[in-house]
Amino acid sequence: MSSPYPNALRPSPRPSPSSRRPLTVAELSERALYNLWDPSKGLKQWLKKADGYRKAGRAHAEALELEEAFMEYAKSATIILEKLPMHKEYYTLLSPTQRHNLGLVSDICMLHFSVLPSIMKLELVSDGHSSLLISSIATLSDSLSERSSNSS
């Protein structure tokens, strides 16, 4: 049924997620790091969480869900690079080789974390043709992971 008032304003339809303004890197970082760290949790629990965030980031990147991928990689990189070295168990539970290998994993996270903002910009102007770039980064990530596991 039509409105009895022909010039009445109708509410605009809700914007779809794809039509919203992309979040800035600062906004994504803020969301990713909000309430991320609890120093009372054990080191092994944080190692598992960081690995889970890294895997989730990769899955999101492969699905071209770039904002989500960025946030997951940001969580993983922050835990590995900033939080774990300050953890009370870091030097007692991890050998020097394990700490070195953790550094290699952080390199993988930082690779993804650093290129995703550029890919997100490309995505805006290239009409969604960044899957080849994502695939190339995933291949590079695999080779770094392989090198890391072979050195332990």
C-alpha atoms as a PDB file:
ATOM      1  CA  MET A   1       0.000   0.000   0.000  1.00  0.00           C
ATOM      2  CA  SER A   2       1.345   3.403  -0.923  1.00  0.00           C
ATOM      3  CA  SER A   3       1.685   6.272   1.483  1.00  0.00           C
ATOM      4  CA  PRO A   4      -1.228   8.693   1.668  1.00  0.00           C
ATOM      5  CA  TYR A   5       1.378  11.437   1.508  1.00  0.00           C
ATOM      6  CA  PRO A   6       3.074  11.237  -1.895  1.00  0.00           C
ATOM      7  CA  ASN A   7       6.034  13.439  -0.942  1.00  0.00           C
ATOM      8  CA  ALA A   8       6.651  11.836   2.444  1.00  0.00           C
ATOM      9  CA  LEU A   9      10.236  10.888   3.138  1.00  0.00           C
ATOM     10  CA  ARG A  10      10.807   7.196   3.310  1.00  0.00           C
ATOM     11  CA  PRO A  11      13.668   5.798   5.292  1.00  0.00           C
ATOM     12  CA  SER A  12      16.507   4.850   3.025  1.00  0.00           C
ATOM     13  CA  PRO A  13      17.304   1.178   2.852  1.00  0.00           C
ATOM     14  CA  ARG A  14      19.985  -0.028   5.196  1.00  0.00           C
ATOM     15  CA  PRO A  15      23.398   0.128   3.538  1.00  0.00           C
ATOM     16  CA  SER A  16      24.808  -3.260   2.708  1.00  0.00           C
ATOM     17  CA  PRO A  17      28.178  -4.149   4.237  1.00  0.00           C
ATOM     18  CA  SER A  18      29.810  -3.810   0.819  1.00  0.00           C
ATOM     19  CA  SER A  19      28.509  -0.254   0.406  1.00  0.00           C
ATOM     20  CA  ARG A  20      29.844   1.053   3.707  1.00  0.00           C
ATOM     21  CA  ARG A  21      33.013   3.097   3.922  1.00  0.00           C
ATOM     22  CA  PRO A  22      36.043   0.858   4.426  1.00  0.00           C
ATOM     23  CA  LEU A  23      37.588   1.159   7.858  1.00  0.00           C
ATOM     24  CA  THR A  24      40.887   2.986   8.124  1.00  0.00           C
ATOM     25  CA  VAL A  25      44.043   1.203   9.225  1.00  0.00           C
ATOM     26  CA  ALA A  26      43.809   3.056  12.543  1.00  0.00           C
ATOM     27  CA  GLU A  27      40.202   1.906  13.055  1.00  0.00           C
ATOM     28  CA  LEU A  28      41.107  -1.684  12.171  1.00  0.00           C
ATOM     29  CA  SER A  29      44.076  -1.615  14.540  1.00  0.00           C
ATOM     30  CA  GLU A  30      41.983  -0.208  17.348  1.00  0.00           C
ATOM     31  CA  ARG A  31      39.357  -2.931  16.898  1.00  0.00           C
ATOM     32  CA  ALA A  32      41.998  -5.656  16.680  1.00  0.00           C
ATOM     33  CA  LEU A  33      43.888  -4.627  19.790  1.00  0.00           C
ATOM     34  CA  TYR A  34      40.974  -3.755  22.040  1.00  0.00           C
ATOM     35  CA  ASN A  35      41.223  -5.827  25.214  1.00  0.00           C
ATOM     36  CA  LEU A  36      43.653  -8.249  23.534  1.00  0.00           C
ATOM     37  CA  TRP A  37      46.090  -9.061  26.332  1.00  0.00           C
ATOM     38  CA  ASP A  38      45.718 -10.648  29.773  1.00  0.00           C
ATOM     39  CA  PRO A  39      49.166 -11.102  31.365  1.00  0.00           C
ATOM     40  CA  SER A  40      47.834 -13.616  33.886  1.00  0.00           C
ATOM     41  CA  LYS A  41      47.364 -16.256  31.168  1.00  0.00           C
ATOM     42  CA  GLY A  42      50.141 -18.742  30.528  1.00  0.00           C
ATOM     43  CA  LEU A  43      52.673 -18.401  27.732  1.00  0.00           C
ATOM     44  CA  LYS A  44      51.552 -21.588  25.987  1.00  0.00           C
ATOM     45  CA  GLN A  45      47.981 -20.337  25.899  1.00  0.00           C
ATOM     46  CA  TRP A  46      49.171 -17.116  24.211  1.00  0.00           C
ATOM     47  CA  LEU A  47      51.266 -19.061  21.709  1.00  0.00           C
ATOM     48  CA  LYS A  48      48.176 -21.038  20.723  1.00  0.00           C
ATOM     49  CA  LYS A  49      46.086 -17.870  20.486  1.00  0.00           C
ATOM     50  CA  ALA A  50      48.681 -16.123  18.308  1.00  0.00           C
ATOM     51  CA  ASP A  51      48.816 -19.129  15.994  1.00  0.00           C
ATOM     52  CA  GLY A  52      45.012 -19.229  15.828  1.00  0.00           C
ATOM     53  CA  TYR A  53      44.864 -15.537  14.911  1.00  0.00           C
ATOM     54  CA  ARG A  54      47.522 -16.082  12.211  1.00  0.00           C
ATOM     55  CA  LYS A  55      45.569 -18.997  10.717  1.00  0.00           C
ATOM     56  CA  ALA A  56      42.324 -17.026  10.862  1.00  0.00           C
ATOM     57  CA  GLY A  57      44.049 -14.109   9.132  1.00  0.00           C
ATOM     58  CA  ARG A  58      45.186 -16.355   6.337  1.00  0.00           C
ATOM     59  CA  ALA A  59      41.708 -17.865   5.907  1.00  0.00           C
ATOM     60  CA  HIS A  60      40.171 -14.384   5.739  1.00  0.00           C
ATOM     61  CA  ALA A  61      42.818 -13.239   3.246  1.00  0.00           C
ATOM     62  CA  GLU A  62      42.171 -16.235   1.013  1.00  0.00           C
ATOM     63  CA  ALA A  63      38.452 -15.428   1.144  1.00  0.00           C
ATOM     64  CA  LEU A  64      39.347 -11.811   0.261  1.00  0.00           C
ATOM     65  CA  GLU A  65      37.912 -10.609   3.565  1.00  0.00           C
ATOM     66  CA  LEU A  66      40.755  -8.156   3.866  1.00  0.00           C
ATOM     67  CA  GLU A  67      39.652  -6.083   6.841  1.00  0.00           C
ATOM     68  CA  GLU A  68      39.119  -9.215   8.918  1.00  0.00           C
ATOM     69  CA  ALA A  69      42.457 -10.611   7.732  1.00  0.00           C
ATOM     70  CA  PHE A  70      44.211  -7.396   8.755  1.00  0.00           C
ATOM     71  CA  MET A  71      42.700  -7.508  12.244  1.00  0.00           C
ATOM     72  CA  GLU A  72      43.627 -11.173  12.793  1.00  0.00           C
ATOM     73  CA  TYR A  73      47.220 -10.624  11.625  1.00  0.00           C
ATOM     74  CA  ALA A  74      47.427  -7.516  13.817  1.00  0.00           C
ATOM     75  CA  LYS A  75      46.412  -9.589  16.840  1.00  0.00           C
ATOM     76  CA  SER A  76      48.934 -12.306  16.076  1.00  0.00           C
ATOM     77  CA  ALA A  77      51.789  -9.902  15.351  1.00  0.00           C
ATOM     78  CA  THR A  78      51.091  -7.841  18.466  1.00  0.00           C
ATOM     79  CA  ILE A  79      51.095 -10.911  20.686  1.00  0.00           C
ATOM     80  CA  ILE A  80      54.286 -12.329  19.143  1.00  0.00           C
ATOM     81  CA  LEU A  81      56.280  -9.116  18.815  1.00  0.00           C
ATOM     82  CA  GLU A  82      55.138  -7.014  21.749  1.00  0.00           C
ATOM     83  CA  LYS A  83      53.419  -9.088  24.379  1.00  0.00           C
ATOM     84  CA  LEU A  84      55.178 -12.461  24.531  1.00  0.00           C
ATOM     85  CA  PRO A  85      58.702 -11.085  25.090  1.00  0.00           C
ATOM     86  CA  MET A  86      57.372  -9.287  28.173  1.00  0.00           C
ATOM     87  CA  HIS A  87      55.654 -12.417  29.542  1.00  0.00           C
ATOM     88  CA  LYS A  88      57.163 -13.785  32.757  1.00  0.00           C
ATOM     89  CA  GLU A  89      57.561 -17.292  31.227  1.00  0.00           C
ATOM     90  CA  TYR A  90      59.087 -16.219  27.886  1.00  0.00           C
ATOM     91  CA  TYR A  91      62.743 -16.856  28.771  1.00  0.00           C
ATOM     92  CA  THR A  92      62.119 -19.846  31.013  1.00  0.00           C
ATOM     93  CA  LEU A  93      59.824 -21.916  28.774  1.00  0.00           C
ATOM     94  CA  LEU A  94      61.273 -21.114  25.352  1.00  0.00           C
ATOM     95  CA  SER A  95      64.769 -22.101  24.238  1.00  0.00           C
ATOM     96  CA  PRO A  96      66.817 -19.678  22.126  1.00  0.00           C
ATOM     97  CA  THR A  97      65.954 -21.752  19.021  1.00  0.00           C
ATOM     98  CA  GLN A  98      62.249 -21.588  19.816  1.00  0.00           C
ATOM     99  CA  ARG A  99      62.461 -17.819  20.326  1.00  0.00           C
ATOM    100  CA  HIS A 100      64.273 -17.529  16.977  1.00  0.00           C
ATOM    101  CA  ASN A 101      61.580 -19.594  15.233  1.00  0.00           C
ATOM    102  CA  LEU A 102      58.911 -17.452  16.839  1.00  0.00           C
ATOM    103  CA  GLY A 103      60.674 -14.481  15.279  1.00  0.00           C
ATOM    104  CA  LEU A 104      60.358 -16.142  11.860  1.00  0.00           C
ATOM    105  CA  VAL A 105      56.632 -16.644  12.433  1.00  0.00           C
ATOM    106  CA  SER A 106      56.357 -12.984  13.369  1.00  0.00           C
ATOM    107  CA  ASP A 107      58.054 -12.140  10.043  1.00  0.00           C
ATOM    108  CA  ILE A 108      55.258 -13.996   8.254  1.00  0.00           C
ATOM    109  CA  CYS A 109      52.597 -12.109  10.216  1.00  0.00           C
ATOM    110  CA  MET A 110      54.299  -8.796   9.566  1.00  0.00           C
ATOM    111  CA  LEU A 111      54.527  -9.548   5.845  1.00  0.00           C
ATOM    112  CA  HIS A 112      50.774 -10.025   5.664  1.00  0.00           C
ATOM    113  CA  PHE A 113      50.054  -7.247   8.133  1.00  0.00           C
ATOM    114  CA  SER A 114      52.154  -4.728   6.225  1.00  0.00           C
ATOM    115  CA  VAL A 115      50.856  -5.445   2.717  1.00  0.00           C
ATOM    116  CA  LEU A 116      47.155  -5.784   3.508  1.00  0.00           C
ATOM    117  CA  PRO A 117      46.470  -2.022   3.690  1.00  0.00           C
ATOM    118  CA  SER A 118      47.914  -1.643   0.189  1.00  0.00           C
ATOM    119  CA  ILE A 119      45.864  -4.572  -1.051  1.00  0.00           C
ATOM    120  CA  MET A 120      42.746  -3.059   0.513  1.00  0.00           C
ATOM    121  CA  LYS A 121      43.412   0.154  -1.434  1.00  0.00           C
ATOM    122  CA  LEU A 122      43.959  -1.862  -4.613  1.00  0.00           C
ATOM    123  CA  GLU A 123      40.706  -3.691  -3.967  1.00  0.00           C
ATOM    124  CA  LEU A 124      38.859  -0.378  -3.964  1.00  0.00           C
ATOM    125  CA  VAL A 125      40.222   0.704  -7.332  1.00  0.00           C
ATOM    126  CA  SER A 126      40.684  -2.642  -9.086  1.00  0.00           C
ATOM    127  CA  ASP A 127      37.140  -3.899  -8.761  1.00  0.00           C
ATOM    128  CA  GLY A 128      38.125  -6.970  -6.750  1.00  0.00           C
ATOM    129  CA  HIS A 129      41.020  -8.396  -8.768  1.00  0.00           C
ATOM    130  CA  SER A 130      43.495  -8.746  -5.888  1.00  0.00           C
ATOM    131  CA  SER A 131      43.128 -12.528  -5.484  1.00  0.00           C
ATOM    132  CA  LEU A 132      46.324 -13.172  -7.464  1.00  0.00           C
ATOM    133  CA  LEU A 133      48.280 -10.929  -5.098  1.00  0.00           C
ATOM    134  CA  ILE A 134      46.765 -12.685  -2.072  1.00  0.00           C
ATOM    135  CA  SER A 135      47.699 -16.047  -3.590  1.00  0.00           C
ATOM    136  CA  SER A 136      51.288 -14.892  -4.169  1.00  0.00           C
ATOM    137  CA  ILE A 137      51.613 -13.703  -0.584  1.00  0.00           C
ATOM    138  CA  ALA A 138      50.200 -17.003   0.686  1.00  0.00           C
ATOM    139  CA  THR A 139      52.806 -18.892  -1.356  1.00  0.00           C
ATOM    140  CA  LEU A 140      55.577 -16.739   0.088  1.00  0.00           C
ATOM    141  CA  SER A 141      54.143 -17.292   3.553  1.00  0.00           C
ATOM    142  CA  ASP A 142      54.177 -21.065   2.998  1.00  0.00           C
ATOM    143  CA  SER A 143      57.826 -21.007   1.987  1.00  0.00           C
ATOM    144  CA  LEU A 144      58.745 -18.936   5.066  1.00  0.00           C
ATOM    145  CA  SER A 145      56.783 -21.330   7.292  1.00  0.00           C
ATOM    146  CA  GLU A 146      58.543 -24.287   5.726  1.00  0.00           C
ATOM    147  CA  ARG A 147      61.932 -22.669   6.268  1.00  0.00           C
ATOM    148  CA  SER A 148      60.997 -21.937   9.896  1.00  0.00           C
ATOM    149  CA  SER A 149      59.933 -25.518  10.625  1.00  0.00           C
ATOM    150  CA  ASN A 150      63.061 -26.936   8.936  1.00  0.00           C
ATOM    151  CA  SER A 151      65.355 -24.840  11.128  1.00  0.00           C
ATOM    152  CA  SER A 152      64.030 -26.282  14.394  1.00  0.00           C
END
